[in-house]
Amino acid sequence: MIAAHLSDLHFGSHVSPEKLDSLGKDLISQAPELLVITGDVTDRGRLSQFRWAVTFLRSLDIPFIVVPGNREVGFSAVWEWMLPSFAMRRFDHFFGASDRIVYCSESNKVVFIGINSVHSFPAWPGTVSRETRYWLKRQSPLFEDYIKVLFLHHPVLPVIRGSSFWAHTLSDAGEILNICTQTGIKLILQGHKHRSAVMELNFPEREAKVVVSSCGAPLMSRWDSVYHLIELSQSSIIVHPREFVEGEFVGKKCYEFFPSGNGNDIQAGTCRSSSLECSNQAVN
């Protein structure tokens, strides 16, 4: 299965029209079966920005699933910073459930599990609610023969060149990683840092490996204008970063990991096409 990991699109005044047009063309050309978006779809949480984002995503004719980021909270709405559940109502209207999302591809034996990490101010660092952590621990083992992918906004791992500001972290990252190694989640998709990175964590005592994809902010004039194409199979996970260079998104090296075997490898390559039967939980 091929999925595209996008994050931090920040639909608003900072979007580059040239990058937006190029991103749409590149996604259509690469033809992933699914778009997985890890939050900050809007820049200020405004209705006009939500409408713009949804219009663009639907124009691609590719199913997409989304979790919210902190930018989905209305910038000037103090009550939403104190109680983000108000902002999540707006998110739910445009994208469906904002937490505990399950998208299952039966034909590819891949399951994507999305969780909400947006937390109230002043406890600004991302946090996954205790109820959702318990839900994740119960839900993941149900897909015993599937490749399991977790996606959320705030990072479970720090990113080189990314800000170390305390508000840009996930306060319970250790517990999320603990659940992943206990329940067989092999890949985590994260956002928020606007920096592209691909990492692998090894847990020898559990004979577990977890690959982490952190993509950039592909539509913004600063940061890393990068999104990731990801090939998933029972034997390997291959991440293809695609970067905006001289008017178009292009691929460079790919990163290949073997979560069930030994070692990892880095090599050049391009994505192969495959098929997907989409469940009705994707947004169209």
Protein backbone atom coordinates (compact mmCIF):
# COMPACT_ATOMS: atom_id res chain seq x y z
CA MET A 1 0.00 0.00 0.00
CA ILE A 2 1.15 3.54 -0.73
CA ALA A 3 0.01 6.41 1.51
CA ALA A 4 1.02 10.06 1.54
CA HIS A 5 1.87 11.64 4.89
CA LEU A 6 1.19 15.38 4.95
CA SER A 7 1.22 17.75 7.89
CA ASP A 8 1.06 21.43 8.81
CA LEU A 9 -0.57 22.63 5.60
CA HIS A 10 -1.55 25.84 7.43
CA PHE A 11 -4.21 26.94 4.96
CA GLY A 12 -4.23 30.70 5.38
CA SER A 13 -2.17 33.76 4.48
CA HIS A 14 1.17 31.88 4.54
CA VAL A 15 0.28 29.38 1.82
CA SER A 16 2.34 29.66 -1.34
CA PRO A 17 0.02 29.42 -4.39
CA GLU A 18 2.88 27.96 -6.43
CA LYS A 19 3.49 25.23 -3.87
CA LEU A 20 -0.22 24.52 -3.51
CA ASP A 21 -0.61 24.02 -7.25
CA SER A 22 2.54 21.87 -7.41
CA LEU A 23 1.50 19.78 -4.42
CA GLY A 24 -1.87 19.00 -5.97
CA LYS A 25 -0.31 17.99 -9.27
CA ASP A 26 2.35 15.86 -7.57
CA LEU A 27 -0.13 14.00 -5.38
CA ILE A 28 -2.30 13.22 -8.38
CA SER A 29 0.76 12.08 -10.32
CA GLN A 30 2.07 9.86 -7.50
CA ALA A 31 -1.44 8.42 -6.95
CA PRO A 32 -1.28 7.31 -3.31
CA GLU A 33 -4.27 5.32 -2.13
CA LEU A 34 -4.70 7.45 0.97
CA LEU A 35 -3.68 10.85 2.38
CA VAL A 36 -2.88 10.88 6.10
CA ILE A 37 -2.74 14.43 7.50
CA THR A 38 -1.29 15.00 10.96
CA GLY A 39 -2.84 18.28 11.99
CA ASP A 40 -2.53 22.04 11.57
CA VAL A 41 -4.60 21.91 8.41
CA THR A 42 -5.58 25.54 9.01
CA ASP A 43 -3.46 28.46 10.18
CA ARG A 44 -5.93 30.23 12.47
CA GLY A 45 -8.86 27.84 12.77
CA ARG A 46 -11.15 30.06 10.69
CA LEU A 47 -14.14 28.72 8.80
CA SER A 48 -12.80 30.11 5.52
CA GLN A 49 -9.53 28.21 6.04
CA PHE A 50 -11.36 24.97 6.79
CA ARG A 51 -13.41 25.41 3.61
CA TRP A 52 -10.30 26.12 1.55
CA ALA A 53 -8.54 23.04 2.90
CA VAL A 54 -11.49 20.73 2.32
CA THR A 55 -12.03 22.08 -1.21
CA PHE A 56 -8.40 21.44 -2.10
CA LEU A 57 -8.29 17.95 -0.60
CA ARG A 58 -11.53 16.88 -2.27
CA SER A 59 -10.29 18.18 -5.63
CA LEU A 60 -7.54 15.53 -5.56
CA ASP A 61 -10.08 12.70 -5.57
CA ILE A 62 -7.95 10.75 -3.08
CA PRO A 63 -9.43 9.56 0.25
CA PHE A 64 -7.99 11.37 3.26
CA ILE A 65 -7.98 11.04 7.02
CA VAL A 66 -7.07 13.86 9.40
CA VAL A 67 -6.30 14.46 13.07
CA PRO A 68 -6.39 18.00 14.48
CA GLY A 69 -3.45 20.18 15.42
CA ASN A 70 -3.23 23.10 17.80
CA ARG A 71 -3.83 25.54 14.89
CA GLU A 72 -7.36 24.21 14.49
CA VAL A 73 -8.14 26.16 17.67
CA GLY A 74 -9.46 29.64 16.84
CA PHE A 75 -6.56 32.06 17.27
CA SER A 76 -8.61 34.84 18.87
CA ALA A 77 -11.12 32.61 20.69
CA VAL A 78 -9.85 32.56 24.28
CA TRP A 79 -12.54 30.09 25.35
CA GLU A 80 -11.30 27.59 22.75
CA TRP A 81 -7.77 27.74 24.14
CA MET A 82 -9.17 26.94 27.56
CA LEU A 83 -11.59 24.29 26.25
CA PRO A 84 -10.41 22.92 22.86
CA SER A 85 -13.52 20.73 22.68
CA PHE A 86 -15.32 23.81 21.29
CA ALA A 87 -12.82 23.99 18.42
CA MET A 88 -13.13 20.26 17.84
CA ARG A 89 -16.81 20.71 17.00
CA ARG A 90 -15.78 22.84 14.04
CA PHE A 91 -13.12 20.32 13.05
CA ASP A 92 -15.64 17.47 13.29
CA HIS A 93 -18.01 19.32 10.97
CA PHE A 94 -15.42 19.44 8.19
CA PHE A 95 -13.35 16.30 8.75
CA GLY A 96 -15.34 13.91 10.92
CA ALA A 97 -14.16 12.51 14.25
CA SER A 98 -11.23 14.38 15.83
CA ASP A 99 -10.11 11.48 18.04
CA ARG A 100 -10.00 7.67 18.06
CA ILE A 101 -10.03 7.35 14.27
CA VAL A 102 -9.70 3.91 12.69
CA TYR A 103 -9.19 3.50 8.94
CA CYS A 104 -8.81 -0.11 7.87
CA SER A 105 -7.71 -1.32 4.44
CA GLU A 106 -8.79 -4.95 4.28
CA SER A 107 -7.13 -5.63 0.91
CA ASN A 108 -3.73 -4.41 2.08
CA LYS A 109 -4.03 -5.52 5.69
CA VAL A 110 -3.10 -2.04 6.94
CA VAL A 111 -4.84 -0.13 9.71
CA PHE A 112 -4.37 3.57 10.50
CA ILE A 113 -5.21 4.68 14.04
CA GLY A 114 -5.52 8.41 14.72
CA ILE A 115 -5.54 10.14 18.10
CA ASN A 116 -6.03 13.76 19.19
CA SER A 117 -3.10 15.37 21.02
CA VAL A 118 -4.48 18.93 21.28
CA HIS A 119 -4.64 20.02 24.91
CA SER A 120 -5.88 23.10 26.71
CA PHE A 121 -3.87 26.17 27.66
CA PRO A 122 -1.92 26.75 29.93
CA ALA A 123 -1.00 23.05 29.80
CA TRP A 124 0.00 23.72 26.21
CA PRO A 125 2.24 20.76 25.33
CA GLY A 126 0.37 18.10 23.42
CA THR A 127 -1.32 15.49 25.56
CA VAL A 128 -3.33 12.39 24.73
CA SER A 129 -6.20 11.95 27.16
CA ARG A 130 -6.06 9.03 29.57
CA GLU A 131 -9.26 7.61 28.08
CA THR A 132 -7.77 7.70 24.58
CA ARG A 133 -4.55 6.05 25.75
CA TYR A 134 -6.60 3.23 27.29
CA TRP A 135 -8.63 3.02 24.07
CA LEU A 136 -5.46 2.76 21.98
CA LYS A 137 -4.13 -0.01 24.19
CA ARG A 138 -7.38 -1.97 23.72
CA GLN A 139 -7.90 -1.17 20.03
CA SER A 140 -4.51 -1.94 18.54
CA PRO A 141 -4.36 -5.65 19.50
CA LEU A 142 -7.64 -6.27 17.65
CA PHE A 143 -5.74 -6.01 14.33
CA GLU A 144 -3.41 -8.91 14.89
CA ASP A 145 -2.47 -9.60 11.25
CA TYR A 146 -2.34 -5.97 10.11
CA ILE A 147 0.42 -3.44 9.62
CA LYS A 148 -0.45 -0.88 12.29
CA VAL A 149 0.13 2.84 11.81
CA LEU A 150 -0.46 5.47 14.49
CA PHE A 151 -0.88 9.12 13.49
CA LEU A 152 -1.10 12.23 15.67
CA HIS A 153 -0.01 15.89 15.58
CA HIS A 154 2.45 16.43 18.42
CA PRO A 155 5.79 14.61 18.13
CA VAL A 156 6.62 11.50 20.09
CA LEU A 157 10.28 12.07 19.13
CA PRO A 158 12.27 15.30 18.92
CA VAL A 159 13.39 16.37 15.48
CA ILE A 160 16.83 17.71 14.58
CA ARG A 161 16.58 21.38 13.51
CA GLY A 162 13.16 21.57 15.15
CA SER A 163 12.27 23.89 18.02
CA SER A 164 12.86 22.54 21.52
CA PHE A 165 10.32 24.96 23.06
CA TRP A 166 8.39 23.16 25.81
CA ALA A 167 5.04 23.89 24.14
CA HIS A 168 6.10 21.89 21.08
CA THR A 169 6.28 18.50 22.77
CA LEU A 170 4.01 15.59 23.62
CA SER A 171 3.94 15.31 27.39
CA ASP A 172 3.10 11.59 27.42
CA ALA A 173 5.32 10.52 24.51
CA GLY A 174 6.92 7.78 26.60
CA GLU A 175 3.58 6.16 27.36
CA ILE A 176 2.50 6.33 23.70
CA LEU A 177 5.74 4.61 22.63
CA ASN A 178 5.25 2.05 25.39
CA ILE A 179 1.80 1.20 24.01
CA CYS A 180 3.18 0.98 20.47
CA THR A 181 5.83 -1.56 21.44
CA GLN A 182 3.31 -3.56 23.48
CA THR A 183 0.66 -3.74 20.77
CA GLY A 184 2.69 -4.09 17.57
CA ILE A 185 2.38 -0.60 16.08
CA LYS A 186 5.24 -0.37 13.56
CA LEU A 187 4.93 3.17 12.20
CA ILE A 188 4.12 6.55 13.78
CA LEU A 189 3.27 9.61 11.68
CA GLN A 190 3.78 12.92 13.48
CA GLY A 191 3.74 16.63 12.64
CA HIS A 192 4.02 20.01 14.35
CA LYS A 193 7.78 20.60 13.93
CA HIS A 194 7.71 21.66 10.24
CA ARG A 195 10.88 19.61 9.72
CA SER A 196 11.32 16.46 7.66
CA ALA A 197 12.89 13.49 9.43
CA VAL A 198 12.70 9.70 9.32
CA MET A 199 13.80 7.77 12.40
CA GLU A 200 13.78 4.26 13.80
CA LEU A 201 13.61 3.31 17.47
CA ASN A 202 14.83 -0.07 18.68
CA PHE A 203 13.56 -1.70 21.89
CA PRO A 204 15.79 -4.80 22.34
CA GLU A 205 14.09 -6.00 25.52
CA ARG A 206 10.82 -6.36 23.58
CA GLU A 207 12.37 -7.21 20.22
CA ALA A 208 10.38 -4.27 18.85
CA LYS A 209 11.13 -1.54 16.32
CA VAL A 210 9.11 1.59 15.57
CA VAL A 211 9.64 3.84 12.54
CA VAL A 212 8.71 7.53 12.95
CA SER A 213 7.88 9.79 9.98
CA SER A 214 7.97 13.52 10.66
CA CYS A 215 7.21 15.49 7.52
CA GLY A 216 7.59 19.20 6.93
CA ALA A 217 5.20 22.02 6.05
CA PRO A 218 4.89 21.63 2.27
CA LEU A 219 2.93 24.81 1.53
CA MET A 220 4.83 27.34 3.63
CA SER A 221 7.66 29.62 2.53
CA ARG A 222 9.77 28.73 5.57
CA TRP A 223 10.72 25.40 7.12
CA ASP A 224 10.93 22.17 5.09
CA SER A 225 8.63 22.09 2.06
CA VAL A 226 8.41 18.30 2.19
CA TYR A 227 5.81 15.57 2.37
CA HIS A 228 6.41 11.82 2.58
CA LEU A 229 5.20 8.99 0.36
CA ILE A 230 5.19 5.76 2.33
CA GLU A 231 5.15 2.21 0.98
CA LEU A 232 3.83 -0.35 3.45
CA SER A 233 4.16 -4.10 3.20
CA GLN A 234 4.40 -6.97 5.65
CA SER A 235 8.18 -7.07 5.18
CA SER A 236 9.22 -3.41 4.99
CA ILE A 237 8.39 0.27 5.40
CA ILE A 238 9.83 2.60 2.75
CA VAL A 239 9.64 6.38 3.16
CA HIS A 240 10.12 8.64 0.12
CA PRO A 241 10.47 12.33 1.06
CA ARG A 242 9.32 14.64 -1.75
CA GLU A 243 10.66 18.18 -1.58
CA PHE A 244 9.66 21.38 -3.38
CA VAL A 245 12.61 22.33 -5.57
CA GLU A 246 12.55 24.86 -8.41
CA GLY A 247 8.82 24.87 -8.93
CA GLU A 248 7.94 21.22 -8.35
CA PHE A 249 7.99 18.45 -5.78
CA VAL A 250 10.74 15.92 -6.46
CA GLY A 251 11.91 12.75 -4.78
CA LYS A 252 15.45 12.10 -3.62
CA LYS A 253 16.62 9.13 -1.56
CA CYS A 254 14.25 6.74 0.12
CA TYR A 255 14.62 5.16 3.54
CA GLU A 256 13.84 1.48 3.90
CA PHE A 257 13.23 -0.21 7.24
CA PHE A 258 12.54 -3.80 8.21
CA PRO A 259 10.59 -3.62 11.48
CA SER A 260 10.25 -7.40 11.76
CA GLY A 261 13.82 -8.21 10.77
CA ASN A 262 17.33 -6.95 11.39
CA GLY A 263 18.79 -3.58 10.50
CA ASN A 264 17.69 -0.85 8.15
CA ASP A 265 18.88 0.39 4.79
CA ILE A 266 18.94 3.66 2.89
CA GLN A 267 18.70 3.67 -0.88
CA ALA A 268 17.46 5.65 -3.84
CA GLY A 269 14.13 4.68 -5.37
CA THR A 270 10.67 5.66 -6.51
CA CYS A 271 7.20 4.58 -5.48
CA ARG A 272 5.45 1.66 -7.04
CA SER A 273 1.71 1.72 -7.71
CA SER A 274 -0.75 -0.60 -6.01
CA SER A 275 -4.46 -0.80 -5.21
CA LEU A 276 -6.60 0.00 -2.19
CA GLU A 277 -10.17 -0.71 -1.25
CA CYS A 278 -11.12 2.32 0.83
CA SER A 279 -13.25 1.94 3.90
CA ASN A 280 -16.09 4.37 4.52
CA GLN A 281 -14.16 6.08 7.31
CA ALA A 282 -12.06 8.15 4.94
CA VAL A 283 -13.16 11.69 4.18
CA ASN A 284 -13.98 12.35 0.54
